[in-house]
C-alpha atoms as a PDB file:
ATOM      1  CA  UNK A   1     -23.242-113.384 -45.075  1.00  0.00           C
ATOM      2  CA  UNK A   2     -26.347-112.642 -42.981  1.00  0.00           C
ATOM      3  CA  UNK A   3     -27.732-116.069 -43.899  1.00  0.00           C
ATOM      4  CA  UNK A   4     -24.499-117.723 -42.768  1.00  0.00           C
ATOM      5  CA  UNK A   5     -24.570-115.883 -39.415  1.00  0.00           C
ATOM      6  CA  UNK A   6     -28.254-116.746 -38.966  1.00  0.00           C
ATOM      7  CA  UNK A   7     -27.595-120.443 -39.725  1.00  0.00           C
ATOM      8  CA  UNK A   8     -24.627-120.477 -37.349  1.00  0.00           C
ATOM      9  CA  UNK A   9     -26.685-118.928 -34.543  1.00  0.00           C
ATOM     10  CA  UNK A  10     -29.521-121.385 -35.214  1.00  0.00           C
ATOM     11  CA  UNK A  11     -27.114-124.327 -35.139  1.00  0.00           C
ATOM     12  CA  UNK A  12     -25.543-123.179 -31.848  1.00  0.00           C
ATOM     13  CA  UNK A  13     -28.991-122.736 -30.290  1.00  0.00           C
ATOM     14  CA  UNK A  14     -30.182-126.145 -31.496  1.00  0.00           C
ATOM     15  CA  UNK A  15     -27.075-127.914 -30.156  1.00  0.00           C
ATOM     16  CA  UNK A  16     -26.933-126.205 -26.777  1.00  0.00           C
ATOM     17  CA  UNK A  17     -27.479-128.390 -23.729  1.00  0.00           C
ATOM     18  CA  UNK A  18     -30.744-128.493 -21.843  1.00  0.00           C
ATOM     19  CA  UNK A  19     -30.373-127.831 -18.113  1.00  0.00           C
ATOM     20  CA  UNK A  20     -33.522-129.873 -17.385  1.00  0.00           C
ATOM     21  CA  UNK A  21     -31.441-133.059 -17.705  1.00  0.00           C
ATOM     22  CA  UNK A  22     -29.314-131.973 -14.735  1.00  0.00           C
ATOM     23  CA  UNK A  23     -29.489-134.790 -12.171  1.00  0.00           C
ATOM     24  CA  UNK A  24     -28.111-132.815  -9.230  1.00  0.00           C
ATOM     25  CA  UNK A  25     -31.632-132.248  -7.931  1.00  0.00           C
ATOM     26  CA  UNK A  26     -32.264-136.001  -7.576  1.00  0.00           C
ATOM     27  CA  UNK A  27     -32.564-137.615  -4.183  1.00  0.00           C
ATOM     28  CA  UNK A  28     -30.308-140.446  -3.049  1.00  0.00           C
ATOM     29  CA  UNK A  29     -33.121-142.959  -3.588  1.00  0.00           C
ATOM     30  CA  UNK A  30     -33.739-141.653  -7.111  1.00  0.00           C
ATOM     31  CA  UNK A  31     -30.034-141.747  -8.026  1.00  0.00           C
ATOM     32  CA  UNK A  32     -29.459-145.314  -6.905  1.00  0.00           C
ATOM     33  CA  UNK A  33     -32.896-146.831  -7.560  1.00  0.00           C
ATOM     34  CA  UNK A  34     -32.453-150.513  -8.463  1.00  0.00           C
ATOM     35  CA  UNK A  35     -28.670-150.596  -7.934  1.00  0.00           C
ATOM     36  CA  UNK A  36     -27.391-153.817  -6.362  1.00  0.00           C
ATOM     37  CA  UNK A  37     -24.483-153.472  -3.922  1.00  0.00           C
ATOM     38  CA  UNK A  38     -22.536-156.551  -2.856  1.00  0.00           C
ATOM     39  CA  UNK A  39     -20.281-156.963   0.149  1.00  0.00           C
ATOM     40  CA  UNK A  40     -16.789-158.138  -0.805  1.00  0.00           C
ATOM     41  CA  UNK A  41     -17.284-161.447   1.020  1.00  0.00           C
ATOM     42  CA  UNK A  42     -20.406-162.397  -0.945  1.00  0.00           C
ATOM     43  CA  UNK A  43     -20.912-166.154  -1.416  1.00  0.00           C
ATOM     44  CA  UNK A  44     -23.748-166.971  -3.814  1.00  0.00           C
ATOM     45  CA  UNK A  45     -24.105-170.606  -2.633  1.00  0.00           C
ATOM     46  CA  UNK A  46     -23.345-170.592   1.098  1.00  0.00           C
ATOM     47  CA  UNK A  47     -22.486-173.925   2.673  1.00  0.00           C
ATOM     48  CA  UNK A  48     -22.049-172.928   6.311  1.00  0.00           C
ATOM     49  CA  UNK A  49     -23.336-170.509   8.905  1.00  0.00           C
ATOM     50  CA  UNK A  50     -20.142-168.460   8.540  1.00  0.00           C
ATOM     51  CA  UNK A  51     -21.295-167.625   5.011  1.00  0.00           C
ATOM     52  CA  UNK A  52     -24.345-165.840   6.450  1.00  0.00           C
ATOM     53  CA  UNK A  53     -22.284-162.654   6.468  1.00  0.00           C
ATOM     54  CA  UNK A  54     -22.606-162.740   2.713  1.00  0.00           C
ATOM     55  CA  UNK A  55     -25.104-160.110   1.594  1.00  0.00           C
ATOM     56  CA  UNK A  56     -26.327-157.804  -1.131  1.00  0.00           C
ATOM     57  CA  UNK A  57     -28.211-154.528  -0.727  1.00  0.00           C
ATOM     58  CA  UNK A  58     -30.660-153.043  -3.192  1.00  0.00           C
ATOM     59  CA  UNK A  59     -31.661-149.366  -2.995  1.00  0.00           C
ATOM     60  CA  UNK A  60     -35.255-148.821  -4.097  1.00  0.00           C
ATOM     61  CA  UNK A  61     -37.268-145.700  -4.722  1.00  0.00           C
ATOM     62  CA  UNK A  62     -40.798-147.000  -4.371  1.00  0.00           C
ATOM     63  CA  UNK A  63     -43.620-147.027  -1.859  1.00  0.00           C
ATOM     64  CA  UNK A  64     -43.001-150.640  -0.784  1.00  0.00           C
ATOM     65  CA  UNK A  65     -39.333-150.577   0.256  1.00  0.00           C
ATOM     66  CA  UNK A  66     -36.442-148.172   0.240  1.00  0.00           C
ATOM     67  CA  UNK A  67     -33.800-150.787   0.998  1.00  0.00           C
ATOM     68  CA  UNK A  68     -33.738-154.542   0.485  1.00  0.00           C
ATOM     69  CA  UNK A  69     -31.249-156.814   2.178  1.00  0.00           C
ATOM     70  CA  UNK A  70     -30.547-160.086   0.355  1.00  0.00           C
ATOM     71  CA  UNK A  71     -28.819-163.013   2.002  1.00  0.00           C
ATOM     72  CA  UNK A  72     -28.485-166.336   0.142  1.00  0.00           C
ATOM     73  CA  UNK A  73     -30.220-169.140   1.995  1.00  0.00           C
ATOM     74  CA  UNK A  74     -28.144-171.618   3.934  1.00  0.00           C
ATOM     75  CA  UNK A  75     -29.956-174.963   3.924  1.00  0.00           C
ATOM     76  CA  UNK A  76     -29.364-175.615   7.637  1.00  0.00           C
ATOM     77  CA  UNK A  77     -30.697-172.202   8.687  1.00  0.00           C
ATOM     78  CA  UNK A  78     -34.240-171.267   7.725  1.00  0.00           C
ATOM     79  CA  UNK A  79     -34.028-167.536   6.993  1.00  0.00           C
ATOM     80  CA  UNK A  80     -35.927-165.204   4.737  1.00  0.00           C
ATOM     81  CA  UNK A  81     -33.410-164.492   1.975  1.00  0.00           C
ATOM     82  CA  UNK A  82     -34.897-161.104   1.028  1.00  0.00           C
ATOM     83  CA  UNK A  83     -35.834-158.578   3.645  1.00  0.00           C
ATOM     84  CA  UNK A  84     -37.279-155.252   2.576  1.00  0.00           C
ATOM     85  CA  UNK A  85     -37.218-152.152   4.755  1.00  0.00           C
ATOM     86  CA  UNK A  86     -40.035-149.670   4.325  1.00  0.00           C
ATOM     87  CA  UNK A  87     -40.860-146.434   6.061  1.00  0.00           C
ATOM     88  CA  UNK A  88     -43.159-147.028   9.023  1.00  0.00           C
ATOM     89  CA  UNK A  89     -43.841-150.197  11.007  1.00  0.00           C
ATOM     90  CA  UNK A  90     -42.210-153.320   9.510  1.00  0.00           C
ATOM     91  CA  UNK A  91     -42.930-157.019  10.017  1.00  0.00           C
ATOM     92  CA  UNK A  92     -39.997-157.348  12.440  1.00  0.00           C
ATOM     93  CA  UNK A  93     -41.692-154.892  14.833  1.00  0.00           C
ATOM     94  CA  UNK A  94     -39.290-152.043  14.060  1.00  0.00           C
ATOM     95  CA  UNK A  95     -40.428-148.638  12.845  1.00  0.00           C
ATOM     96  CA  UNK A  96     -38.177-146.989  10.250  1.00  0.00           C
ATOM     97  CA  UNK A  97     -38.242-143.275   9.501  1.00  0.00           C
ATOM     98  CA  UNK A  98     -36.317-141.587   6.679  1.00  0.00           C
ATOM     99  CA  UNK A  99     -34.860-138.410   8.150  1.00  0.00           C
ATOM    100  CA  UNK A 100     -32.755-137.292   5.177  1.00  0.00           C
ATOM    101  CA  UNK A 101     -32.865-138.175   1.479  1.00  0.00           C
ATOM    102  CA  UNK A 102     -30.748-135.707  -0.462  1.00  0.00           C
ATOM    103  CA  UNK A 103     -28.396-136.066  -3.414  1.00  0.00           C
ATOM    104  CA  UNK A 104     -25.392-137.245  -1.365  1.00  0.00           C
ATOM    105  CA  UNK A 105     -26.854-139.372   1.400  1.00  0.00           C
ATOM    106  CA  UNK A 106     -29.742-141.221   2.942  1.00  0.00           C
ATOM    107  CA  UNK A 107     -30.361-141.289   6.676  1.00  0.00           C
ATOM    108  CA  UNK A 108     -32.985-143.255   8.511  1.00  0.00           C
ATOM    109  CA  UNK A 109     -33.739-144.246  12.074  1.00  0.00           C
ATOM    110  CA  UNK A 110     -35.054-147.458  13.582  1.00  0.00           C
ATOM    111  CA  UNK A 111     -36.688-147.804  16.979  1.00  0.00           C
ATOM    112  CA  UNK A 112     -35.302-151.383  17.233  1.00  0.00           C
ATOM    113  CA  UNK A 113     -38.676-152.819  18.232  1.00  0.00           C
ATOM    114  CA  UNK A 114     -38.814-153.774  21.894  1.00  0.00           C
ATOM    115  CA  UNK A 115     -35.182-152.881  22.703  1.00  0.00           C
ATOM    116  CA  UNK A 116     -36.186-149.272  23.498  1.00  0.00           C
ATOM    117  CA  UNK A 117     -33.192-147.867  21.617  1.00  0.00           C
ATOM    118  CA  UNK A 118     -32.856-145.874  18.448  1.00  0.00           C
ATOM    119  CA  UNK A 119     -30.461-146.750  15.648  1.00  0.00           C
ATOM    120  CA  UNK A 120     -29.355-144.051  13.259  1.00  0.00           C
ATOM    121  CA  UNK A 121     -28.175-145.257   9.858  1.00  0.00           C
ATOM    122  CA  UNK A 122     -26.263-142.981   7.488  1.00  0.00           C
ATOM    123  CA  UNK A 123     -25.723-144.243   3.943  1.00  0.00           C
ATOM    124  CA  UNK A 124     -23.272-142.575   1.579  1.00  0.00           C
ATOM    125  CA  UNK A 125     -21.559-143.521  -1.680  1.00  0.00           C
ATOM    126  CA  UNK A 126     -17.974-142.860  -2.687  1.00  0.00           C
ATOM    127  CA  UNK A 127     -16.073-144.343  -5.633  1.00  0.00           C
ATOM    128  CA  UNK A 128     -18.715-147.002  -6.421  1.00  0.00           C
ATOM    129  CA  UNK A 129     -18.790-148.171  -2.816  1.00  0.00           C
ATOM    130  CA  UNK A 130     -21.748-147.733  -0.482  1.00  0.00           C
ATOM    131  CA  UNK A 131     -21.108-147.149   3.225  1.00  0.00           C
ATOM    132  CA  UNK A 132     -23.508-147.904   6.058  1.00  0.00           C
ATOM    133  CA  UNK A 133     -22.660-146.115   9.317  1.00  0.00           C
ATOM    134  CA  UNK A 134     -24.812-147.172  12.244  1.00  0.00           C
ATOM    135  CA  UNK A 135     -24.880-145.521  15.654  1.00  0.00           C
ATOM    136  CA  UNK A 136     -27.099-146.095  18.678  1.00  0.00           C
ATOM    137  CA  UNK A 137     -28.701-143.671  21.113  1.00  0.00           C
ATOM    138  CA  UNK A 138     -27.959-145.845  24.143  1.00  0.00           C
ATOM    139  CA  UNK A 139     -24.302-146.587  23.325  1.00  0.00           C
ATOM    140  CA  UNK A 140     -21.107-145.055  22.015  1.00  0.00           C
ATOM    141  CA  UNK A 141     -20.575-148.145  19.852  1.00  0.00           C
ATOM    142  CA  UNK A 142     -20.805-147.697  16.115  1.00  0.00           C
ATOM    143  CA  UNK A 143     -20.831-150.118  13.231  1.00  0.00           C
ATOM    144  CA  UNK A 144     -19.731-149.625   9.643  1.00  0.00           C
ATOM    145  CA  UNK A 145     -20.253-151.851   6.651  1.00  0.00           C
ATOM    146  CA  UNK A 146     -19.561-151.302   2.988  1.00  0.00           C
ATOM    147  CA  UNK A 147     -20.493-152.943  -0.285  1.00  0.00           C
ATOM    148  CA  UNK A 148     -19.387-152.508  -3.879  1.00  0.00           C
ATOM    149  CA  UNK A 149     -21.618-151.396  -6.729  1.00  0.00           C
ATOM    150  CA  UNK A 150     -22.471-154.111  -9.236  1.00  0.00           C
ATOM    151  CA  UNK A 151     -24.310-154.371 -12.542  1.00  0.00           C
ATOM    152  CA  UNK A 152     -26.415-157.262 -11.242  1.00  0.00           C
ATOM    153  CA  UNK A 153     -30.197-157.264 -11.296  1.00  0.00           C
ATOM    154  CA  UNK A 154     -32.285-157.412  -8.123  1.00  0.00           C
ATOM    155  CA  UNK A 155     -31.970-160.975  -6.748  1.00  0.00           C
ATOM    156  CA  UNK A 156     -35.284-160.578  -4.937  1.00  0.00           C
ATOM    157  CA  UNK A 157     -37.436-160.058  -8.034  1.00  0.00           C
END
């Protein structure tokens, strides 16, 4: 009987869960690293300038970029189809600063280059949808965009 109790206790101990796999201590960038989000109006082969509103977003947790914006190229408009945003000064003249990166949200600011304004971007996820809420220090106007989570791979790689 003692052997049976000992074996039962050993089995329970061996099968118990390990709290080190708990992901609640991950940051937003860690949780969604590599996930591609697509706006519901995405057009993979745009034929007109109206299709320029078609976009995908890729969250990245690396030293190069924390967010990549992908827009399929329209032949009549010469645009960079992939634009990465990194912390610090970017090629567009804007300086981005991550002000919050916790489990539930990511917040960053942009100095908007020469416009002398500050944009504040809050990013949250709910029900496989990512929300971008943008506000400005020099205006009461706000902007919101959303995109749906996909299983696609990074179109910019």
